[in-house]
Protein backbone atom coordinates (compact mmCIF):
# COMPACT_ATOMS: atom_id res chain seq x y z
CA UNK A 1 -39.25 -63.49 14.91
CA UNK A 2 -36.43 -61.86 16.93
CA UNK A 3 -33.05 -62.80 18.86
CA UNK A 4 -34.67 -62.28 21.67
CA UNK A 5 -37.92 -64.20 21.32
CA UNK A 6 -35.77 -66.94 22.27
CA UNK A 7 -35.17 -65.60 25.86
CA UNK A 8 -37.00 -65.89 28.97
CA UNK A 9 -39.72 -63.46 29.73
CA UNK A 10 -39.81 -63.39 33.20
CA UNK A 11 -38.89 -60.31 34.69
CA UNK A 12 -36.36 -59.17 37.50
CA UNK A 13 -36.43 -56.09 39.11
CA UNK A 14 -34.93 -53.32 39.54
CA UNK A 15 -32.87 -54.31 36.68
CA UNK A 16 -29.38 -51.77 36.94
CA UNK A 17 -27.00 -51.04 34.29
CA UNK A 18 -23.93 -53.54 34.24
CA UNK A 19 -25.79 -56.09 36.21
CA UNK A 20 -25.60 -58.09 33.35
CA UNK A 21 -21.89 -57.93 33.69
CA UNK A 22 -21.83 -58.81 37.25
CA UNK A 23 -24.17 -61.84 36.44
CA UNK A 24 -21.18 -62.98 33.41
CA UNK A 25 -18.52 -62.41 35.91
CA UNK A 26 -20.02 -64.94 38.02
CA UNK A 27 -20.19 -67.64 36.17
CA UNK A 28 -16.64 -66.59 35.36
CA UNK A 29 -15.78 -66.85 38.57
CA UNK A 30 -18.07 -70.23 39.33
CA UNK A 31 -15.83 -71.59 36.62
CA UNK A 32 -12.45 -70.89 37.59
CA UNK A 33 -12.97 -71.45 41.03
CA UNK A 34 -15.16 -75.09 40.71
CA UNK A 35 -13.15 -77.84 41.69
CA UNK A 36 -11.93 -80.04 39.06
CA UNK A 37 -13.92 -83.83 38.55
CA UNK A 38 -11.48 -86.38 40.38
CA UNK A 39 -8.43 -87.69 38.28
CA UNK A 40 -9.29 -84.78 35.32
CA UNK A 41 -8.43 -81.78 34.65
CA UNK A 42 -12.38 -81.05 34.23
CA UNK A 43 -13.99 -79.14 36.13
CA UNK A 44 -16.68 -80.23 37.91
CA UNK A 45 -20.07 -76.94 37.72
CA UNK A 46 -23.12 -77.12 38.49
CA UNK A 47 -25.11 -76.84 34.96
CA UNK A 48 -28.33 -76.18 36.93
CA UNK A 49 -25.98 -72.77 39.07
CA UNK A 50 -24.56 -72.25 35.33
CA UNK A 51 -27.18 -72.52 33.38
CA UNK A 52 -29.40 -70.20 35.30
CA UNK A 53 -26.78 -67.47 35.68
CA UNK A 54 -26.64 -67.08 31.99
CA UNK A 55 -30.54 -66.56 32.02
CA UNK A 56 -30.43 -64.06 34.34
CA UNK A 57 -28.11 -62.03 32.71
CA UNK A 58 -29.62 -63.00 28.76
CA UNK A 59 -32.41 -61.51 30.47
CA UNK A 60 -30.82 -57.79 32.36
CA UNK A 61 -29.17 -57.94 28.70
CA UNK A 62 -32.23 -56.46 26.42
CA UNK A 63 -32.67 -53.82 29.17
CA UNK A 64 -28.92 -52.52 30.46
CA UNK A 65 -28.86 -52.85 26.13
CA UNK A 66 -31.97 -50.66 26.07
CA UNK A 67 -30.57 -48.27 28.38
CA UNK A 68 -26.76 -48.13 26.70
CA UNK A 69 -28.61 -47.50 23.17
CA UNK A 70 -30.60 -45.01 25.30
CA UNK A 71 -27.76 -43.45 26.68
CA UNK A 72 -25.58 -44.11 23.18
CA UNK A 73 -28.65 -41.68 21.94
CA UNK A 74 -28.65 -39.20 23.89
CA UNK A 75 -24.68 -38.60 24.24
CA UNK A 76 -24.78 -38.27 20.28
CA UNK A 77 -27.67 -36.07 20.63
CA UNK A 78 -25.70 -33.99 23.43
CA UNK A 79 -22.35 -33.92 21.26
CA UNK A 80 -24.94 -32.54 18.21
CA UNK A 81 -26.11 -30.32 20.99
CA UNK A 82 -23.13 -29.03 20.88
CA UNK A 83 -22.01 -28.62 17.77
CA UNK A 84 -24.57 -26.91 17.06
CA UNK A 85 -24.16 -24.59 19.53
CA UNK A 86 -20.82 -24.40 19.17
CA UNK A 87 -21.44 -23.28 15.25
CA UNK A 88 -23.60 -20.94 16.28
CA UNK A 89 -21.01 -19.26 19.19
CA UNK A 90 -18.76 -19.35 16.01
CA UNK A 91 -21.02 -17.75 13.38
CA UNK A 92 -22.25 -15.15 16.21
CA UNK A 93 -18.65 -14.34 16.62
CA UNK A 94 -17.90 -14.25 12.89
CA UNK A 95 -20.94 -12.12 12.19
CA UNK A 96 -20.03 -9.73 15.38
CA UNK A 97 -16.46 -9.79 13.59
CA UNK A 98 -17.79 -8.88 9.81
CA UNK A 99 -19.68 -6.42 11.68
CA UNK A 100 -16.70 -4.67 13.70
CA UNK A 101 -14.62 -4.65 10.61
CA UNK A 102 -17.38 -3.30 8.91
CA UNK A 103 -17.54 -0.37 11.24
CA UNK A 104 -13.67 0.40 11.44
CA UNK A 105 -14.83 -0.04 7.38
CA UNK A 106 -16.72 2.48 7.71
CA UNK A 107 -15.15 4.87 10.04
CA UNK A 108 -12.61 4.70 8.06
CA UNK A 109 -14.79 5.58 5.02
CA UNK A 110 -16.31 8.41 6.54
CA UNK A 111 -12.67 10.08 7.83
CA UNK A 112 -11.30 9.97 4.74
CA UNK A 113 -14.60 11.48 2.98
CA UNK A 114 -14.64 13.95 5.83
CA UNK A 115 -10.60 14.28 4.98
CA UNK A 116 -11.84 15.08 1.60
CA UNK A 117 -15.01 17.35 2.27
CA UNK A 118 -11.88 19.46 4.51
CA UNK A 119 -9.76 20.11 1.79
CA UNK A 120 -11.92 20.56 -0.28
CA UNK A 121 -13.25 23.28 1.49
CA UNK A 122 -10.22 24.71 2.66
CA UNK A 123 -9.25 24.63 -1.52
CA UNK A 124 -11.96 26.39 -2.49
CA UNK A 125 -12.14 28.88 0.57
CA UNK A 126 -8.46 29.67 -0.11
CA UNK A 127 -9.96 30.27 -4.07
CA UNK A 128 -12.68 32.44 -2.90
CA UNK A 129 -10.22 35.06 -0.66
CA UNK A 130 -7.95 35.48 -3.24
CA UNK A 131 -10.48 35.72 -6.38
CA UNK A 132 -12.71 38.39 -3.26
CA UNK A 133 -8.88 39.55 -2.96
CA UNK A 134 -8.23 39.98 -6.80
CA UNK A 135 -11.76 41.69 -7.54
CA UNK A 136 -11.07 44.03 -4.30
CA UNK A 137 -7.79 44.88 -5.43
CA UNK A 138 -9.35 45.99 -8.95
CA UNK A 139 -12.83 47.70 -7.64
CA UNK A 140 -10.47 50.06 -5.27
CA UNK A 141 -8.11 50.38 -8.20
CA UNK A 142 -10.82 51.29 -9.83
CA UNK A 143 -12.10 53.87 -7.30
CA UNK A 144 -8.73 55.34 -7.18
CA UNK A 145 -8.66 56.00 -11.21
CA UNK A 146 -12.08 57.55 -10.23
CA UNK A 147 -11.09 59.73 -7.12
CA UNK A 148 -7.67 60.85 -9.00
CA UNK A 149 -9.82 61.82 -12.11
CA UNK A 150 -12.15 63.33 -9.40
CA UNK A 151 -9.18 65.25 -7.84
CA UNK A 152 -7.28 66.85 -11.47
CA UNK A 153 -10.81 68.18 -12.55
CA UNK A 154 -11.92 69.60 -9.31
CA UNK A 155 -7.73 71.02 -9.24
CA UNK A 156 -8.51 72.37 -12.71
CA UNK A 157 -12.19 73.55 -11.81
CA UNK A 158 -10.80 75.08 -8.65
CA UNK A 159 -7.43 76.84 -10.90
CA UNK A 160 -10.36 78.05 -13.21
CA UNK A 161 -12.52 79.70 -10.39
CA UNK A 162 -9.47 81.02 -8.91
CA UNK A 163 -8.27 82.73 -12.44
CA UNK A 164 -11.41 83.86 -13.51
CA UNK A 165 -12.01 85.19 -10.24
CA UNK A 166 -9.88 86.85 -10.23
CA UNK A 167 -10.76 88.01 -13.95
CA UNK A 168 -13.93 88.94 -12.76
CA UNK A 169 -12.23 90.96 -9.68
CA UNK A 170 -9.89 93.34 -11.05
CA UNK A 171 -12.99 93.78 -13.68
CA UNK A 172 -15.48 93.89 -11.12
CA UNK A 173 -13.17 96.50 -9.97
CA UNK A 174 -12.42 97.97 -13.15
CA UNK A 175 -16.06 98.77 -13.62
CA UNK A 176 -16.50 99.99 -10.38
CA UNK A 177 -13.77 101.86 -10.15
CA UNK A 178 -14.10 105.97 -11.61
CA UNK A 179 -13.07 106.86 -15.44
CA UNK A 180 -10.41 108.70 -15.14
CA UNK A 181 -9.13 108.02 -18.83
CA UNK A 182 -8.05 111.92 -19.66
CA UNK A 183 -8.41 113.57 -16.79
CA UNK A 184 -6.38 114.32 -14.37
CA UNK A 185 -6.98 114.10 -10.53
CA UNK A 186 -8.77 116.98 -8.54
CA UNK A 187 -9.51 116.58 -5.52
CA UNK A 188 -11.56 119.19 -5.65
CA UNK A 189 -13.24 118.70 -8.65
CA UNK A 190 -14.62 115.25 -6.44
CA UNK A 191 -15.48 117.13 -3.57
CA UNK A 192 -17.71 118.72 -5.36
CA UNK A 193 -19.16 115.67 -7.58
CA UNK A 194 -20.11 113.93 -4.35
CA UNK A 195 -21.29 117.11 -2.70
CA UNK A 196 -23.85 117.03 -5.48
């Protein structure tokens, strides 16, 4: 058995929060305004009226206590729900901040990697350009030496041709010329020879 089993089971119509408090305040007011017993300082109180008011207050209290407990539970649920929502908002903000930091770090890392790749590409391009220029310079020097040798060979050949050509022309002229060794030039004899 609980303590509430001793309470009157009579239902009060439409009990509102604070009704028990109002009834208790009425009892206090009744006691303070009660007239004193003649020749005494003891107040004269209607016992039945006070008991009835106290019984009404007791009857209202379980309903009010239930409502108060319900309100406390609702308050606790509301506070727990609010705390969960606040925790979720904080966690979402923390997650978003971490993502933003990661994105920023990814961007920084990407930019650093891109700069590194560009620097490597530029260094490779400079190296390849230098190697190509050296290669072409060596090739052109080889071609220049070859052309110089060919030029000398051609000049030597032309010189030989011109010396040989002059000698051959002289020899040809010598062969084509009449042999006049030992003969005197006789114009008359040449004419007769031409007529024959």
